[in-house]
Amino acid sequence: WRCACQWYESPGAWGSAAWGEAPWGGDETDPVYDRLLTIFDAEDAVHVAHAAHSKCDYFLTLDQKTILNRIEINREQVRELCGAMRFVSPEQLVKELGLSS
């Protein structure tokens, strides 16, 4: 399985710009990212878009307020954009994978 973990990148780090926002990207933007911006802050939307495009099974985050809570409110829209990717906290992931003792 594939798992994306939310992390914070420093400005200018490879992969930190959304599609089309870097000088070499032109004026074309990623439609998934654009739609995710209606749900998430820009910083979160770019991470979720990268994970969705990578076809991750899980998106691991500690961010209850701006990611996990928003998933609950926008479940259908997120499912349409991200497919079956599961958004989980570390505790939920351990439980789902049967790793707890």
Protein backbone atom coordinates (compact mmCIF):
# COMPACT_ATOMS: atom_id res chain seq x y z
CA TRP A 1 0.00 0.00 0.00
CA ARG A 2 1.04 3.60 -0.47
CA CYS A 3 0.78 6.20 2.23
CA ALA A 4 1.26 9.95 1.98
CA CYS A 5 2.30 11.76 5.11
CA GLN A 6 1.64 15.44 5.45
CA TRP A 7 4.85 17.38 5.91
CA TYR A 8 5.89 20.98 5.59
CA GLU A 9 8.29 21.93 2.83
CA SER A 10 10.45 25.00 2.81
CA PRO A 11 9.75 27.58 0.09
CA GLY A 12 11.49 26.71 -3.14
CA ALA A 13 11.87 23.03 -2.30
CA TRP A 14 11.36 20.64 -5.20
CA GLY A 15 7.73 19.67 -5.40
CA SER A 16 6.42 22.50 -3.23
CA ALA A 17 4.75 24.44 -6.07
CA ALA A 18 1.33 23.45 -7.34
CA TRP A 19 1.04 22.50 -11.00
CA GLY A 20 1.30 25.63 -13.09
CA GLU A 21 2.57 27.89 -10.30
CA ALA A 22 6.25 27.38 -11.04
CA PRO A 23 7.88 29.49 -13.77
CA TRP A 24 8.20 26.49 -16.11
CA GLY A 25 4.59 25.37 -15.60
CA GLY A 26 2.86 27.95 -17.77
CA ASP A 27 -0.64 29.11 -16.95
CA GLU A 28 -2.24 25.66 -16.83
CA THR A 29 -3.40 24.43 -13.43
CA ASP A 30 -4.35 21.02 -12.11
CA PRO A 31 -8.14 20.66 -11.98
CA VAL A 32 -7.96 18.32 -8.96
CA TYR A 33 -5.88 20.87 -7.05
CA ASP A 34 -8.25 23.67 -8.09
CA ARG A 35 -11.27 21.76 -6.76
CA LEU A 36 -9.45 20.78 -3.57
CA LEU A 37 -8.89 24.50 -2.92
CA THR A 38 -12.65 24.79 -2.29
CA ILE A 39 -12.22 22.41 0.67
CA PHE A 40 -8.68 22.91 2.01
CA ASP A 41 -6.15 25.67 2.56
CA ALA A 42 -3.64 25.94 -0.30
CA GLU A 43 -0.86 24.24 1.69
CA ASP A 44 -3.09 21.27 2.49
CA ALA A 45 -4.64 21.12 -0.98
CA VAL A 46 -1.25 20.67 -2.66
CA HIS A 47 -0.36 17.75 -0.37
CA VAL A 48 -3.73 16.08 -0.90
CA ALA A 49 -3.48 16.59 -4.69
CA HIS A 50 0.00 15.03 -4.78
CA ALA A 51 -1.24 12.03 -2.78
CA ALA A 52 -4.33 11.64 -4.99
CA HIS A 53 -2.26 11.76 -8.19
CA SER A 54 0.13 9.18 -6.68
CA LYS A 55 -2.88 6.94 -6.00
CA CYS A 56 -2.02 6.60 -2.32
CA ASP A 57 -4.13 4.26 -0.23
CA TYR A 58 -3.75 6.41 2.89
CA PHE A 59 -3.15 10.06 3.70
CA LEU A 60 -1.59 10.19 7.17
CA THR A 61 -1.96 13.41 9.14
CA LEU A 62 -2.20 14.81 12.65
CA ASP A 63 -4.18 17.80 11.35
CA GLN A 64 -7.64 17.23 12.77
CA LYS A 65 -8.86 20.82 12.32
CA THR A 66 -8.02 21.66 8.71
CA ILE A 67 -7.86 18.21 7.11
CA LEU A 68 -9.69 15.43 8.96
CA ASN A 69 -12.65 17.59 10.02
CA ARG A 70 -13.02 18.98 6.50
CA ILE A 71 -13.01 15.45 5.11
CA GLU A 72 -16.02 14.63 7.27
CA ILE A 73 -17.90 17.72 6.07
CA ASN A 74 -17.03 17.21 2.37
CA ARG A 75 -16.90 13.40 2.18
CA GLU A 76 -18.61 12.98 -1.22
CA GLN A 77 -16.60 15.69 -2.96
CA VAL A 78 -13.31 14.37 -1.53
CA ARG A 79 -14.22 10.82 -2.60
CA GLU A 80 -14.86 12.07 -6.14
CA LEU A 81 -11.47 13.82 -6.26
CA CYS A 82 -9.31 11.36 -4.30
CA GLY A 83 -10.96 8.03 -4.98
CA ALA A 84 -10.65 5.45 -2.22
CA MET A 85 -7.72 7.16 -0.47
CA ARG A 86 -8.32 7.03 3.29
CA PHE A 87 -7.51 10.06 5.44
CA VAL A 88 -6.30 8.85 8.83
CA SER A 89 -4.46 9.82 11.98
CA PRO A 90 -1.49 7.68 13.06
CA GLU A 91 -3.70 5.93 15.63
CA GLN A 92 -6.33 5.13 12.98
CA LEU A 93 -3.70 3.79 10.59
CA VAL A 94 -2.20 1.49 13.22
CA LYS A 95 -5.68 0.18 14.02
CA GLU A 96 -6.69 -0.28 10.35
CA LEU A 97 -3.51 -2.16 9.53
CA GLY A 98 -3.82 -4.34 12.62
CA LEU A 99 -0.46 -3.23 13.99
CA SER A 100 -1.55 -2.54 17.56
CA SER A 101 -0.58 -5.03 20.22
